[in-house]
Amino acid sequence: MRFSSDDLVCRIACNLEQVHSADEAMRAWLPLISELRPVSVAFEAAHPDGLRRGYLADLLVVLPLLEDGATGGGSTRSRLLAAVDALAVRLGLDPADFETDEDGAGGALKAKDEQDGSPYGAYLVLALTGADPLNPGGEEKDYGDTGEDLP
């Protein structure tokens, strides 16, 4: 997937531990999904032997980088921080916990505590300007299997 240099691409990881069904998890996440309109969403039940319980969601959200109101532009870093601050507040996370990378084009926000006040169970936000934080090169994933065993 291609992104513009004016896009802030975020991966948001959520975990609802107290829900007991997929329907319950979907109802809990629906307001967030309706508002953020992710370009990709993945839901799954947490593995019984894993570190997390309940249900997990991974949202790929593309947001415009906000203009700096004072200058009408701003550095990539200041525009990144403004967009992440708004998203963090919406998720119930503390924007002050966002750590930028060396060049100020991306970073990560980790919840300090699993019950950090996020009604959606958000515990990790990865952000990168103009690219998917989990696939920054934008290259297609290539799997060595030819698929010959598929019917």
Protein backbone atom coordinates (compact mmCIF):
# COMPACT_ATOMS: atom_id res chain seq x y z
CA MET A 1 0.00 0.00 0.00
CA ARG A 2 1.36 3.43 -0.93
CA PHE A 3 1.13 6.44 1.35
CA SER A 4 1.78 10.15 0.84
CA SER A 5 4.52 12.00 2.72
CA ASP A 6 1.68 13.98 4.32
CA ASP A 7 0.13 10.81 5.77
CA LEU A 8 0.68 9.65 9.30
CA VAL A 9 0.34 5.87 9.22
CA CYS A 10 -0.43 4.27 12.59
CA ARG A 11 -0.68 0.70 13.80
CA ILE A 12 -2.90 0.55 16.86
CA ALA A 13 -2.87 -2.62 18.96
CA CYS A 14 -5.81 -3.20 21.30
CA ASN A 15 -6.62 -5.92 23.80
CA LEU A 16 -9.95 -6.31 25.57
CA GLU A 17 -9.38 -8.84 28.34
CA GLN A 18 -12.78 -8.66 30.00
CA VAL A 19 -14.94 -9.59 26.99
CA HIS A 20 -16.19 -13.15 26.58
CA SER A 21 -17.25 -13.27 22.92
CA ALA A 22 -16.23 -11.91 19.55
CA ASP A 23 -19.58 -10.10 19.31
CA GLU A 24 -18.91 -8.32 22.58
CA ALA A 25 -15.42 -7.29 21.42
CA MET A 26 -16.74 -6.01 18.09
CA ARG A 27 -19.44 -3.93 19.81
CA ALA A 28 -16.82 -2.44 22.13
CA TRP A 29 -14.50 -1.49 19.24
CA LEU A 30 -17.19 -0.31 16.79
CA PRO A 31 -17.25 3.36 17.93
CA LEU A 32 -13.48 3.60 17.53
CA ILE A 33 -13.50 1.91 14.14
CA SER A 34 -16.36 4.12 12.93
CA GLU A 35 -14.48 7.23 13.98
CA LEU A 36 -10.95 6.36 12.83
CA ARG A 37 -11.97 4.50 9.64
CA PRO A 38 -8.93 2.23 9.43
CA VAL A 39 -7.76 1.02 6.03
CA SER A 40 -7.14 -2.42 7.52
CA VAL A 41 -8.47 -4.22 10.59
CA ALA A 42 -7.57 -7.62 12.03
CA PHE A 43 -9.37 -9.20 14.98
CA GLU A 44 -8.61 -12.44 16.76
CA ALA A 45 -9.12 -14.25 20.02
CA ALA A 46 -6.01 -14.21 22.16
CA HIS A 47 -4.21 -17.55 22.18
CA PRO A 48 -5.00 -19.44 25.41
CA ASP A 49 -1.30 -19.97 26.10
CA GLY A 50 -0.28 -16.43 25.18
CA LEU A 51 0.49 -13.38 27.27
CA ARG A 52 -2.84 -11.70 26.54
CA ARG A 53 -6.40 -12.76 27.27
CA GLY A 54 -9.71 -11.92 25.61
CA TYR A 55 -9.66 -10.43 22.12
CA LEU A 56 -7.04 -8.56 20.10
CA ALA A 57 -7.37 -5.97 17.36
CA ASP A 58 -4.80 -4.47 15.01
CA LEU A 59 -5.89 -1.30 13.23
CA LEU A 60 -4.01 0.35 10.36
CA VAL A 61 -5.07 3.98 10.42
CA VAL A 62 -4.00 6.74 8.03
CA LEU A 63 -4.30 10.30 9.34
CA PRO A 64 -3.32 13.57 7.70
CA LEU A 65 -0.35 15.29 9.28
CA LEU A 66 -1.70 18.39 10.96
CA GLU A 67 -0.46 21.83 9.94
CA ASP A 68 1.16 23.93 12.63
CA GLY A 69 -1.42 26.65 13.31
CA ALA A 70 1.15 29.31 14.15
CA THR A 71 3.33 28.94 11.07
CA GLY A 72 0.95 27.28 8.62
CA GLY A 73 3.42 24.44 8.16
CA GLY A 74 5.82 23.19 10.77
CA SER A 75 8.47 20.54 10.90
CA THR A 76 7.63 16.90 10.30
CA ARG A 77 8.34 16.24 13.96
CA SER A 78 5.96 18.95 15.24
CA ARG A 79 3.23 17.86 12.82
CA LEU A 80 3.75 14.23 13.86
CA LEU A 81 3.48 15.09 17.55
CA ALA A 82 0.30 17.12 16.99
CA ALA A 83 -1.39 14.21 15.17
CA VAL A 84 -0.21 11.60 17.68
CA ASP A 85 -1.31 13.77 20.62
CA ALA A 86 -4.88 13.94 19.26
CA LEU A 87 -4.93 10.19 18.58
CA ALA A 88 -3.50 9.31 22.00
CA VAL A 89 -6.11 11.41 23.78
CA ARG A 90 -8.85 9.72 21.71
CA LEU A 91 -7.51 6.29 22.71
CA GLY A 92 -7.26 7.23 26.38
CA LEU A 93 -3.47 7.11 26.41
CA ASP A 94 -0.98 9.68 27.67
CA PRO A 95 0.53 11.61 24.71
CA ALA A 96 3.60 12.42 26.83
CA ASP A 97 4.60 8.74 26.61
CA PHE A 98 5.12 8.94 22.82
CA GLU A 99 8.79 8.41 21.95
CA THR A 100 9.94 9.64 18.56
CA ASP A 101 12.60 7.97 16.47
CA GLU A 102 15.94 9.62 15.67
CA ASP A 103 14.76 11.61 12.64
CA GLY A 104 11.40 12.63 14.16
CA ALA A 105 9.38 10.96 11.39
CA GLY A 106 7.87 8.24 13.56
CA GLY A 107 7.79 6.66 16.95
CA ALA A 108 5.93 4.52 19.45
CA LEU A 109 3.49 5.02 22.27
CA LYS A 110 3.21 2.20 24.80
CA ALA A 111 0.69 2.13 27.61
CA LYS A 112 2.45 2.24 30.96
CA ASP A 113 -0.09 -0.10 32.47
CA GLU A 114 -2.44 -2.59 30.82
CA GLN A 115 -5.32 -0.73 32.44
CA ASP A 116 -4.02 2.69 31.38
CA GLY A 117 -7.49 4.18 30.99
CA SER A 118 -8.12 3.24 27.37
CA PRO A 119 -11.73 2.12 26.94
CA TYR A 120 -10.64 0.22 23.83
CA GLY A 121 -7.74 -1.62 25.44
CA ALA A 122 -5.18 0.26 23.30
CA TYR A 123 -1.73 -0.65 24.50
CA LEU A 124 0.56 0.19 21.58
CA VAL A 125 0.59 2.80 18.82
CA LEU A 126 3.32 2.68 16.19
CA ALA A 127 3.45 5.73 13.92
CA LEU A 128 5.45 6.58 10.84
CA THR A 129 5.22 9.44 8.37
CA GLY A 130 4.46 8.25 4.85
CA ALA A 131 4.84 4.50 5.42
CA ASP A 132 3.45 1.54 7.35
CA PRO A 133 5.46 1.26 10.59
CA LEU A 134 5.56 -2.53 10.22
CA ASN A 135 6.55 -2.40 6.55
CA PRO A 136 8.43 0.91 6.04
CA GLY A 137 9.96 -0.13 2.72
CA GLY A 138 6.50 -0.60 1.27
CA GLU A 139 7.63 -3.70 -0.56
CA GLU A 140 5.19 -6.51 -1.22
CA LYS A 141 5.64 -9.41 1.14
CA ASP A 142 7.04 -12.36 -0.73
CA TYR A 143 6.52 -15.84 0.57
CA GLY A 144 8.71 -18.69 -0.66
CA ASP A 145 5.83 -21.14 -0.97
CA THR A 146 4.50 -21.57 -4.52
CA GLY A 147 1.02 -22.57 -3.39
CA GLU A 148 1.12 -25.82 -5.37
CA ASP A 149 -0.52 -27.70 -2.51
CA LEU A 150 -3.63 -25.52 -2.63
CA PRO A 151 -6.74 -27.05 -4.27
